[in-house]
Amino acid sequence: MSDLNSHISTKNSAALFEEAQLYIPGGVNSPVRAFRGVGGTPLFFNHGEGAWLIDEDNNRYVDYVGAWGPLILGHCHPAVISALQTQLTRGLGYGASTAAEVEIAKTICKLVPSIEKVRLVTSGTEATMSAIRLARGYTRRDKIVKFEGCYHGHVDGLLVKAGSGALTLGEPDSLGVPKAYTDLTYVLPFNDIYAMKALFAKEGDSIACIIVEPVAGNMNLVPPVPGFLESMRELCTQHGSVLIFDEVMTGFRTALGGAQSVYGVTPDLTTLGKVIGGGLPVGAFGGRADIMNCIAPLGAVYQAGTLAGSPLAVAAGLAMLTEIQRPGFYESLTKHTAQMLTGLQERADAAGIPFSTNQVGGMFGCFFTTEEEVTTFDQVMACNVPQFKRYFHAMLENKIYLAPSAFEAGFVSAAHGENEIAATLNAAEIAFASLK
């Protein structure tokens, strides 16, 4: 094993962070970037190459964040860059419809059969907000159901026991959210079928929708237990509620047809984001035609966006969607992810460190816990967060960039090959040994 444990200089990142705090709240434009969940000074990155990120001090890291999921092809994939360069010569945007919007909508509907019609928006938060408004308008009901640890964007009514950034900061809820909004939101334990059935037995006919990450990716990675998604499909059908799968993170990430294709459960509406723009700001929501036809201009549920269907985002997204349809793409991605996780587990076991992992496709979660399998929010919250912090910094010191939070999923891209996995496992052997 090579000795990776050499000190790295991050003085340029430190100087940039100091300056950023003068002009940007907390020095960052998204809270988890501040490293509050792990301590230390956040890195500022200059560029990416394949599976690697290069910071402002020219340090190279194997990247397992992937811009929080969308870079399934890795950084600067030639097909995506070429599509963007072509579009740049044609214009940045028109404030009007384009043929490419039709093409990407048609492609999404083909790859995700539950989506009969789809509308593009500019972010995942906008997609979930719009899907919930649509579900309420369609059912003429107000109440919604979400689950502990599932994050659906910074929508007022959904910032109740949300995951990822909110948990990292130790504030599961947010100031500035009127109680009247959260009064309409029921929050249930993720993977608790009994609690869900009990709520619907009492309140089912007043519930507009369930919104869920079919694979929770914002309290680290927690897959659904058998029967969980199937039960919510049954309950929504029985009570006339709309089932919304938030696949902003999992869509085209876990499989070509999203998590719904992995588990064989069909939602009424699906929200997408991140990956369908090839890394550019984008989102979408779609589903059954009869529900989608309630959106303006056909129906009375209003939703609009000046930058929706951005020609740049659509060009990048179409290039990405073409690449992921190549034979064997997801099989290779899943294999490399499993290989990396098996290696991590072996090294943790050898060092005597309680550790377990979860995986769905190219997404993964790592937990410092004695539990063999993590399936609940409470198990996630009981994990050894101080140990994760030490592990994070040990890996960072050895040029492996993980999400700076114990409550975020990790992502492997098609650019992660044998060399990147070997570097990761060498770094992990050092990191686990340092935790004894």
Protein backbone atom coordinates (compact mmCIF):
# COMPACT_ATOMS: atom_id res chain seq x y z
CA MET A 1 0.00 0.00 0.00
CA SER A 2 1.36 3.39 -0.95
CA ASP A 3 1.70 6.08 1.69
CA LEU A 4 -0.96 8.66 0.84
CA ASN A 5 -0.83 10.46 4.13
CA SER A 6 0.99 13.68 3.27
CA HIS A 7 -0.11 17.13 4.35
CA ILE A 8 -1.86 19.21 1.71
CA SER A 9 -1.93 22.97 1.48
CA THR A 10 -5.33 24.66 1.13
CA LYS A 11 -4.25 28.25 1.77
CA ASN A 12 -5.99 29.60 -1.36
CA SER A 13 -9.30 28.01 -0.34
CA ALA A 14 -8.89 29.44 3.15
CA ALA A 15 -8.26 32.94 1.77
CA LEU A 16 -11.26 32.70 -0.54
CA PHE A 17 -13.50 31.53 2.31
CA GLU A 18 -12.37 34.45 4.48
CA GLU A 19 -13.19 36.89 1.69
CA ALA A 20 -16.48 35.17 0.85
CA GLN A 21 -17.75 35.64 4.40
CA LEU A 22 -17.59 39.41 3.89
CA TYR A 23 -20.14 39.28 1.08
CA ILE A 24 -22.03 35.96 1.26
CA PRO A 25 -23.96 34.79 4.37
CA GLY A 26 -21.72 32.19 5.99
CA GLY A 27 -19.39 32.44 3.02
CA VAL A 28 -21.40 29.92 1.00
CA ASN A 29 -24.43 29.84 -1.29
CA SER A 30 -25.71 26.51 0.04
CA PRO A 31 -25.32 25.65 3.76
CA VAL A 32 -23.70 22.20 3.58
CA ARG A 33 -20.74 23.69 1.65
CA ALA A 34 -19.68 25.54 4.83
CA PHE A 35 -18.24 22.32 6.39
CA ARG A 36 -20.22 23.03 9.58
CA GLY A 37 -21.12 19.33 9.66
CA VAL A 38 -17.50 18.20 9.70
CA GLY A 39 -15.52 21.20 10.92
CA GLY A 40 -12.62 22.90 9.24
CA THR A 41 -12.39 25.24 6.28
CA PRO A 42 -14.36 24.45 3.12
CA LEU A 43 -12.60 23.86 -0.16
CA PHE A 44 -13.02 26.07 -3.21
CA PHE A 45 -12.79 24.16 -6.48
CA ASN A 46 -11.39 25.35 -9.77
CA HIS A 47 -12.34 22.61 -12.23
CA GLY A 48 -13.21 18.96 -12.70
CA GLU A 49 -11.84 16.19 -14.92
CA GLY A 50 -13.70 12.89 -15.17
CA ALA A 51 -13.85 11.43 -11.65
CA TRP A 52 -11.57 14.13 -10.23
CA LEU A 53 -11.99 17.60 -8.71
CA ILE A 54 -9.13 20.10 -8.59
CA ASP A 55 -9.20 22.81 -5.94
CA GLU A 56 -7.80 26.35 -5.97
CA ASP A 57 -4.52 25.05 -4.55
CA ASN A 58 -4.24 22.53 -7.40
CA ASN A 59 -4.93 19.50 -5.17
CA ARG A 60 -6.64 16.64 -7.01
CA TYR A 61 -9.41 14.63 -5.30
CA VAL A 62 -11.43 11.59 -6.34
CA ASP A 63 -14.94 13.07 -6.28
CA TYR A 64 -17.86 11.18 -4.70
CA VAL A 65 -20.18 14.19 -4.58
CA GLY A 66 -20.63 14.68 -8.32
CA ALA A 67 -22.34 18.07 -7.87
CA TRP A 68 -24.77 16.20 -5.58
CA GLY A 69 -25.72 13.62 -8.15
CA PRO A 70 -26.12 14.97 -11.66
CA LEU A 71 -22.63 14.21 -12.96
CA ILE A 72 -23.30 10.56 -13.62
CA LEU A 73 -20.91 10.73 -16.60
CA GLY A 74 -18.22 12.50 -14.58
CA HIS A 75 -16.91 16.03 -14.98
CA CYS A 76 -16.61 17.58 -18.47
CA HIS A 77 -17.84 14.58 -20.43
CA PRO A 78 -17.04 15.26 -24.10
CA ALA A 79 -20.61 14.68 -25.32
CA VAL A 80 -22.04 17.15 -22.79
CA ILE A 81 -19.36 19.77 -23.46
CA SER A 82 -19.87 19.45 -27.24
CA ALA A 83 -23.64 19.89 -26.90
CA LEU A 84 -23.14 23.01 -24.78
CA GLN A 85 -20.61 24.50 -27.18
CA THR A 86 -22.99 24.00 -30.08
CA GLN A 87 -25.86 25.63 -28.21
CA LEU A 88 -23.68 28.56 -27.11
CA THR A 89 -23.24 29.53 -30.73
CA ARG A 90 -27.02 29.61 -31.12
CA GLY A 91 -27.89 31.64 -28.04
CA LEU A 92 -28.32 31.38 -24.27
CA GLY A 93 -32.10 31.57 -24.19
CA TYR A 94 -35.11 32.91 -26.03
CA GLY A 95 -37.99 33.15 -23.58
CA ALA A 96 -39.91 30.97 -26.01
CA SER A 97 -40.32 27.31 -26.90
CA THR A 98 -37.70 25.22 -28.73
CA ALA A 99 -37.66 21.92 -30.60
CA ALA A 100 -35.14 20.60 -28.06
CA GLU A 101 -37.73 20.99 -25.27
CA VAL A 102 -40.06 18.69 -27.16
CA GLU A 103 -37.24 16.20 -27.69
CA ILE A 104 -36.22 16.04 -24.03
CA ALA A 105 -39.86 15.78 -22.91
CA LYS A 106 -40.41 12.91 -25.36
CA THR A 107 -37.22 11.20 -24.12
CA ILE A 108 -38.20 11.50 -20.45
CA CYS A 109 -41.67 10.10 -21.16
CA LYS A 110 -40.13 7.18 -23.06
CA LEU A 111 -37.63 6.30 -20.33
CA VAL A 112 -40.04 6.73 -17.39
CA PRO A 113 -43.36 5.14 -18.44
CA SER A 114 -45.33 6.59 -15.50
CA ILE A 115 -44.67 10.06 -16.94
CA GLU A 116 -47.23 10.65 -19.69
CA LYS A 117 -46.69 14.40 -19.74
CA VAL A 118 -43.88 16.47 -18.25
CA ARG A 119 -43.12 20.12 -17.57
CA LEU A 120 -39.62 21.54 -17.25
CA VAL A 121 -38.72 23.93 -14.44
CA THR A 122 -35.44 25.36 -13.17
CA SER A 123 -34.73 23.40 -9.97
CA GLY A 124 -35.71 20.37 -7.94
CA THR A 125 -37.27 22.60 -5.29
CA GLU A 126 -39.49 24.19 -7.93
CA ALA A 127 -40.43 20.73 -9.22
CA THR A 128 -41.59 19.46 -5.81
CA MET A 129 -43.36 22.72 -4.98
CA SER A 130 -45.23 22.59 -8.27
CA ALA A 131 -46.09 18.90 -7.98
CA ILE A 132 -47.64 19.44 -4.56
CA ARG A 133 -49.63 22.43 -5.76
CA LEU A 134 -50.84 20.32 -8.66
CA ALA A 135 -51.82 17.43 -6.37
CA ARG A 136 -53.77 19.80 -4.14
CA GLY A 137 -55.49 21.38 -7.11
CA TYR A 138 -56.34 18.02 -8.65
CA THR A 139 -57.76 16.52 -5.41
CA ARG A 140 -59.18 19.78 -3.97
CA ARG A 141 -57.56 18.80 -0.67
CA ASP A 142 -54.93 20.59 1.42
CA LYS A 143 -53.12 18.07 3.63
CA ILE A 144 -49.96 16.29 2.58
CA VAL A 145 -47.74 13.50 3.95
CA LYS A 146 -43.95 13.44 4.02
CA PHE A 147 -41.38 11.34 5.89
CA GLU A 148 -38.68 12.05 8.45
CA GLY A 149 -35.29 12.67 6.92
CA CYS A 150 -36.62 13.20 3.39
CA TYR A 151 -35.68 16.56 1.92
CA HIS A 152 -37.78 17.95 -0.92
CA GLY A 153 -36.23 21.37 -1.31
CA HIS A 154 -36.69 24.52 0.75
CA VAL A 155 -40.47 24.66 0.31
CA ASP A 156 -42.24 26.14 3.35
CA GLY A 157 -44.61 23.25 3.97
CA LEU A 158 -41.86 20.64 3.55
CA LEU A 159 -39.21 21.98 5.93
CA VAL A 160 -40.48 19.74 8.70
CA LYS A 161 -38.00 17.11 9.90
CA ALA A 162 -36.18 17.50 6.60
CA GLY A 163 -32.91 15.77 5.89
CA SER A 164 -29.39 16.57 4.68
CA GLY A 165 -28.48 20.23 5.18
CA ALA A 166 -31.08 20.81 7.86
CA LEU A 167 -29.82 17.83 9.87
CA THR A 168 -26.19 18.80 9.33
CA LEU A 169 -26.86 22.19 10.89
CA GLY A 170 -28.73 20.61 13.79
CA GLU A 171 -31.94 22.44 12.84
CA PRO A 172 -34.49 19.94 11.47
CA ASP A 173 -36.96 22.79 10.93
CA SER A 174 -36.48 26.36 9.69
CA LEU A 175 -37.33 29.77 11.07
CA GLY A 176 -39.46 31.84 8.74
CA VAL A 177 -41.91 29.04 8.01
CA PRO A 178 -45.42 29.96 9.26
CA LYS A 179 -47.03 27.33 11.47
CA ALA A 180 -50.11 27.46 9.23
CA TYR A 181 -48.07 25.78 6.47
CA THR A 182 -46.71 22.97 8.61
CA ASP A 183 -50.12 22.36 10.16
CA LEU A 184 -51.10 20.91 6.79
CA THR A 185 -48.13 18.53 6.71
CA TYR A 186 -48.16 15.11 8.36
CA VAL A 187 -44.69 13.71 9.04
CA LEU A 188 -44.26 9.94 9.37
CA PRO A 189 -41.24 7.72 10.08
CA PHE A 190 -39.58 6.52 6.87
CA ASN A 191 -40.13 2.80 6.27
CA ASP A 192 -42.90 2.59 8.92
CA ILE A 193 -45.79 0.89 7.12
CA TYR A 194 -47.94 0.62 10.25
CA ALA A 195 -47.82 4.39 10.97
CA MET A 196 -48.76 5.16 7.37
CA LYS A 197 -51.76 2.81 7.43
CA ALA A 198 -52.90 4.20 10.79
CA LEU A 199 -52.80 7.78 9.50
CA PHE A 200 -54.74 6.94 6.34
CA ALA A 201 -57.34 5.01 8.32
CA LYS A 202 -58.02 8.21 10.24
CA GLU A 203 -57.32 11.03 7.75
CA GLY A 204 -57.02 9.39 4.32
CA ASP A 205 -59.93 11.15 2.66
CA SER A 206 -58.46 14.58 3.50
CA ILE A 207 -54.94 13.87 2.21
CA ALA A 208 -54.02 15.39 -1.15
CA CYS A 209 -50.76 13.51 -1.60
CA ILE A 210 -47.83 11.58 -0.27
CA ILE A 211 -44.42 12.86 -1.31
CA VAL A 212 -41.45 10.57 -0.73
CA GLU A 213 -37.92 9.94 -1.86
CA PRO A 214 -38.36 6.30 -2.96
CA VAL A 215 -34.76 5.86 -1.89
CA ALA A 216 -33.98 8.37 0.84
CA GLY A 217 -30.82 10.23 -0.10
CA ASN A 218 -30.92 13.11 2.35
CA MET A 219 -30.37 11.23 5.61
CA ASN A 220 -27.48 9.43 3.96
CA LEU A 221 -28.74 6.59 1.72
CA VAL A 222 -31.66 4.53 3.08
CA PRO A 223 -33.52 2.20 0.70
CA PRO A 224 -37.21 1.32 1.22
CA VAL A 225 -38.00 -1.87 3.10
CA PRO A 226 -40.12 -4.47 1.26
CA GLY A 227 -43.76 -3.38 1.20
CA PHE A 228 -43.18 0.27 2.10
CA LEU A 229 -43.62 1.78 -1.37
CA GLU A 230 -46.22 -0.82 -2.30
CA SER A 231 -48.31 0.10 0.76
CA MET A 232 -48.31 3.81 -0.03
CA ARG A 233 -49.37 3.03 -3.61
CA GLU A 234 -52.28 0.98 -2.25
CA LEU A 235 -53.32 3.65 0.24
CA CYS A 236 -53.20 6.48 -2.30
CA THR A 237 -55.28 4.48 -4.76
CA GLN A 238 -57.80 3.55 -2.08
CA HIS A 239 -58.24 7.10 -0.78
CA GLY A 240 -57.89 9.07 -4.03
CA SER A 241 -54.61 10.69 -2.95
CA VAL A 242 -51.78 11.47 -5.35
CA LEU A 243 -48.53 9.53 -4.92
CA ILE A 244 -45.49 11.70 -5.72
CA PHE A 245 -42.05 10.14 -6.04
CA ASP A 246 -39.35 12.74 -5.53
CA GLU A 247 -36.70 11.39 -7.89
CA VAL A 248 -34.70 14.61 -8.05
CA MET A 249 -31.78 12.62 -6.67
CA THR A 250 -32.61 9.07 -7.81
CA GLY A 251 -34.06 9.75 -11.27
CA PHE A 252 -31.71 8.33 -13.94
CA ARG A 253 -29.22 7.85 -11.09
CA THR A 254 -30.32 4.54 -9.62
CA ALA A 255 -31.48 3.08 -12.95
CA LEU A 256 -32.54 4.18 -16.43
CA GLY A 257 -36.18 4.33 -15.32
CA GLY A 258 -35.40 5.74 -11.87
CA ALA A 259 -36.03 4.14 -8.50
CA GLN A 260 -39.64 3.40 -9.50
CA SER A 261 -38.31 0.96 -12.10
CA VAL A 262 -36.04 -0.69 -9.52
CA TYR A 263 -38.90 -1.34 -7.06
CA GLY A 264 -41.73 -1.80 -9.54
CA VAL A 265 -44.04 0.79 -7.98
CA THR A 266 -45.78 3.36 -10.20
CA PRO A 267 -46.33 6.87 -8.81
CA ASP A 268 -48.93 9.34 -10.10
CA LEU A 269 -46.39 12.17 -10.33
CA THR A 270 -42.59 12.20 -10.42
CA THR A 271 -40.23 15.09 -9.77
CA LEU A 272 -36.84 15.19 -11.48
CA GLY A 273 -33.84 17.48 -11.38
CA LYS A 274 -30.06 17.58 -11.37
CA VAL A 275 -29.22 14.79 -13.76
CA ILE A 276 -31.63 15.72 -16.59
CA GLY A 277 -29.62 18.89 -17.15
CA GLY A 278 -26.26 17.16 -17.32
CA GLY A 279 -25.14 19.31 -14.38
CA LEU A 280 -26.89 22.59 -15.25
CA PRO A 281 -29.77 24.05 -13.19
CA VAL A 282 -32.96 22.25 -14.21
CA GLY A 283 -35.91 20.33 -12.87
CA ALA A 284 -39.11 18.72 -14.08
CA PHE A 285 -42.35 17.24 -12.83
CA GLY A 286 -44.59 14.89 -14.73
CA GLY A 287 -46.97 11.99 -14.52
CA ARG A 288 -50.48 10.93 -15.41
CA ALA A 289 -51.92 13.00 -18.27
CA ASP A 290 -55.23 13.65 -16.48
CA ILE A 291 -53.37 15.20 -13.55
CA MET A 292 -50.85 17.11 -15.67
CA ASN A 293 -53.68 18.58 -17.77
CA CYS A 294 -54.77 20.54 -14.68
CA ILE A 295 -51.70 22.78 -15.10
CA ALA A 296 -52.07 26.16 -16.86
CA PRO A 297 -52.69 26.89 -19.67
CA LEU A 298 -54.96 23.81 -19.85
CA GLY A 299 -56.13 23.94 -16.25
CA ALA A 300 -56.55 26.24 -13.28
CA VAL A 301 -53.39 25.23 -11.34
CA TYR A 302 -50.91 28.00 -12.12
CA GLN A 303 -47.20 27.43 -12.66
CA ALA A 304 -44.77 29.39 -14.83
CA GLY A 305 -41.05 30.06 -15.24
CA THR A 306 -39.16 32.47 -17.47
CA LEU A 307 -36.07 30.26 -17.65
CA ALA A 308 -37.88 26.93 -17.80
CA GLY A 309 -36.57 24.78 -20.63
CA SER A 310 -33.24 26.64 -20.77
CA PRO A 311 -31.65 25.74 -24.14
CA LEU A 312 -28.30 25.14 -22.43
CA ALA A 313 -29.73 22.82 -19.76
CA VAL A 314 -31.81 20.95 -22.32
CA ALA A 315 -28.81 20.50 -24.65
CA ALA A 316 -26.67 19.12 -21.83
CA GLY A 317 -29.53 16.94 -20.60
CA LEU A 318 -30.20 15.41 -24.00
CA ALA A 319 -26.50 14.55 -24.39
CA MET A 320 -26.47 12.91 -20.98
CA LEU A 321 -29.70 10.98 -21.59
CA THR A 322 -28.22 9.62 -24.83
CA GLU A 323 -25.05 8.41 -23.12
CA ILE A 324 -26.77 6.59 -20.24
CA GLN A 325 -28.82 4.50 -22.69
CA ARG A 326 -25.70 2.75 -23.95
CA PRO A 327 -25.77 -1.04 -23.29
CA GLY A 328 -24.20 -2.03 -19.98
CA PHE A 329 -24.00 1.51 -18.62
CA TYR A 330 -25.86 0.89 -15.36
CA GLU A 331 -24.48 -2.62 -14.90
CA SER A 332 -20.94 -1.21 -14.96
CA LEU A 333 -21.86 1.67 -12.65
CA THR A 334 -23.47 -0.68 -10.12
CA LYS A 335 -20.54 -3.11 -10.28
CA HIS A 336 -17.92 -0.43 -9.60
CA THR A 337 -19.97 1.00 -6.73
CA ALA A 338 -20.36 -2.45 -5.16
CA GLN A 339 -16.64 -3.13 -5.60
CA MET A 340 -15.76 0.09 -3.79
CA LEU A 341 -18.21 -0.54 -0.93
CA THR A 342 -17.03 -4.13 -0.45
CA GLY A 343 -13.47 -2.83 -0.18
CA LEU A 344 -14.50 -0.18 2.36
CA GLN A 345 -16.30 -2.75 4.50
CA GLU A 346 -13.30 -5.11 4.43
CA ARG A 347 -10.96 -2.35 5.57
CA ALA A 348 -13.32 -1.17 8.31
CA ASP A 349 -13.68 -4.74 9.58
CA ALA A 350 -9.91 -5.24 9.55
CA ALA A 351 -9.48 -2.08 11.63
CA GLY A 352 -12.27 -3.09 14.02
CA ILE A 353 -14.40 -0.05 13.18
CA PRO A 354 -18.22 -0.53 13.34
CA PHE A 355 -19.33 0.33 9.83
CA SER A 356 -22.02 -0.57 7.31
CA THR A 357 -23.07 0.50 3.83
CA ASN A 358 -26.17 0.78 1.64
CA GLN A 359 -26.27 0.86 -2.15
CA VAL A 360 -28.81 1.38 -4.92
CA GLY A 361 -27.19 1.51 -8.36
CA GLY A 362 -24.50 4.18 -8.39
CA MET A 363 -25.67 5.75 -5.10
CA PHE A 364 -24.28 4.68 -1.75
CA GLY A 365 -24.35 5.42 1.96
CA CYS A 366 -21.75 4.80 4.66
CA PHE A 367 -22.68 4.58 8.34
CA PHE A 368 -20.51 4.40 11.45
CA THR A 369 -22.76 2.07 13.39
CA THR A 370 -22.97 -1.41 14.90
CA GLU A 371 -26.21 -1.97 12.96
CA GLU A 372 -25.78 -4.45 10.12
CA GLU A 373 -28.50 -2.71 8.10
CA VAL A 374 -29.69 0.89 8.37
CA THR A 375 -33.34 1.33 7.38
CA THR A 376 -34.74 4.07 9.65
CA PHE A 377 -34.24 7.72 10.48
CA ASP A 378 -33.60 6.86 14.14
CA GLN A 379 -30.80 4.47 13.16
CA VAL A 380 -29.21 7.19 11.04
CA MET A 381 -29.40 9.69 13.89
CA ALA A 382 -27.80 7.17 16.27
CA CYS A 383 -24.70 6.75 14.08
CA ASN A 384 -21.31 7.90 15.35
CA VAL A 385 -21.11 11.37 13.77
CA PRO A 386 -17.85 12.39 15.53
CA GLN A 387 -16.22 9.31 14.03
CA PHE A 388 -17.53 10.24 10.59
CA LYS A 389 -16.00 13.71 10.95
CA ARG A 390 -12.57 12.22 11.65
CA TYR A 391 -12.99 9.81 8.74
CA PHE A 392 -14.03 12.63 6.40
CA HIS A 393 -10.90 14.64 7.16
CA ALA A 394 -8.63 11.62 6.95
CA MET A 395 -10.05 10.82 3.51
CA LEU A 396 -9.79 14.46 2.44
CA GLU A 397 -6.15 14.57 3.53
CA ASN A 398 -5.60 11.59 1.27
CA LYS A 399 -7.30 13.20 -1.74
CA ILE A 400 -10.77 11.64 -1.51
CA TYR A 401 -13.65 14.13 -1.55
CA LEU A 402 -16.79 12.92 0.24
CA ALA A 403 -19.91 14.90 1.06
CA PRO A 404 -19.09 17.12 4.08
CA SER A 405 -21.99 15.73 6.11
CA ALA A 406 -22.87 12.44 7.75
CA PHE A 407 -26.37 12.80 6.30
CA GLU A 408 -25.63 12.87 2.56
CA ALA A 409 -25.56 10.05 0.03
CA GLY A 410 -22.49 9.47 -2.14
CA PHE A 411 -22.31 9.09 -5.91
CA VAL A 412 -20.12 7.04 -8.22
CA SER A 413 -19.88 8.14 -11.86
CA ALA A 414 -19.11 6.27 -15.05
CA ALA A 415 -15.67 7.94 -14.92
CA HIS A 416 -14.75 6.11 -11.70
CA GLY A 417 -12.59 3.20 -12.77
CA GLU A 418 -10.11 0.77 -11.22
CA ASN A 419 -7.52 3.48 -10.50
CA GLU A 420 -9.99 5.70 -8.66
CA ILE A 421 -11.35 2.79 -6.63
CA ALA A 422 -7.82 1.66 -5.72
CA ALA A 423 -6.93 5.19 -4.58
CA THR A 424 -10.13 5.33 -2.52
CA LEU A 425 -9.47 2.02 -0.79
CA ASN A 426 -5.84 2.89 -0.06
CA ALA A 427 -7.00 6.14 1.52
CA ALA A 428 -9.72 4.29 3.47
CA GLU A 429 -7.21 1.84 4.93
CA ILE A 430 -5.27 4.77 6.37
CA ALA A 431 -8.44 6.54 7.49
CA PHE A 432 -9.93 3.55 9.33
CA ALA A 433 -6.60 2.85 11.03
CA SER A 434 -6.56 6.45 12.32
CA LEU A 435 -9.95 5.92 14.01
CA LYS A 436 -8.76 3.18 16.39
